Amino acid sequence: MSGCFLSRTGYTIVPISPERYGAAGEWEKVIWSSMFWSARWIRQRLTRRFVSVVRVSG
């Protein structure tokens, strides 16, 4: 059974298939990297917003 993974970095859909990620370790790697990139993306967005708010008020 194949599934799709939605990446927050650019909303790119990466197809995930058992043939490609057969081992559980590979799945873990995919999940951890996606979590890392999501956190990084959110942090960048928040930082950008914070910087713009500081600019406006300052």
Protein backbone atom coordinates (compact mmCIF):
# COMPACT_ATOMS: atom_id res chain seq x y z
CA MET A 1 0.00 0.00 0.00
CA SER A 2 1.48 3.32 -1.07
CA GLY A 3 0.88 6.61 0.68
CA CYS A 4 1.67 10.26 0.16
CA PHE A 5 3.59 12.52 2.45
CA LEU A 6 2.88 16.26 2.52
CA SER A 7 5.99 18.32 3.21
CA ARG A 8 5.49 21.73 4.82
CA THR A 9 8.65 23.19 3.29
CA GLY A 10 7.06 23.73 -0.10
CA TYR A 11 3.92 21.60 -0.06
CA THR A 12 5.64 19.00 -2.23
CA ILE A 13 4.08 15.56 -2.25
CA VAL A 14 6.59 12.74 -1.90
CA PRO A 15 5.28 9.29 -2.78
CA ILE A 16 6.06 6.68 -0.13
CA SER A 17 5.97 3.03 -1.07
CA PRO A 18 6.99 -0.11 0.84
CA GLU A 19 9.50 -0.92 -1.91
CA ARG A 20 11.26 2.38 -1.31
CA TYR A 21 10.99 2.45 2.48
CA GLY A 22 10.77 -1.18 3.42
CA ALA A 23 12.53 -1.14 6.77
CA ALA A 24 11.00 0.44 9.86
CA GLY A 25 14.22 2.39 10.33
CA GLU A 26 13.69 4.07 6.97
CA TRP A 27 10.16 5.05 7.97
CA GLU A 28 11.54 6.49 11.21
CA LYS A 29 14.09 8.50 9.24
CA VAL A 30 11.37 9.91 6.98
CA ILE A 31 9.14 10.83 9.93
CA TRP A 32 11.96 12.45 11.92
CA SER A 33 13.24 14.44 8.95
CA SER A 34 9.72 15.65 8.16
CA MET A 35 9.24 16.72 11.79
CA PHE A 36 12.59 18.51 11.71
CA TRP A 37 11.79 20.36 8.49
CA SER A 38 8.29 21.26 9.73
CA ALA A 39 9.71 22.70 12.95
CA ARG A 40 12.34 24.58 11.00
CA TRP A 41 9.73 25.98 8.59
CA ILE A 42 7.46 27.09 11.48
CA ARG A 43 10.43 28.67 13.27
CA GLN A 44 11.39 30.58 10.12
CA ARG A 45 7.83 31.83 9.67
CA LEU A 46 7.58 32.94 13.31
CA THR A 47 10.99 34.62 13.19
CA ARG A 48 10.06 36.44 10.01
CA ARG A 49 6.78 37.63 11.51
CA PHE A 50 8.50 38.71 14.73
CA VAL A 51 11.14 40.66 12.79
CA SER A 52 8.46 42.42 10.72
CA VAL A 53 6.49 43.31 13.89
CA VAL A 54 9.63 44.74 15.50
CA ARG A 55 10.32 46.76 12.36
CA VAL A 56 6.81 48.21 12.31
CA SER A 57 6.73 49.11 16.02
CA GLY A 58 10.32 50.34 16.09
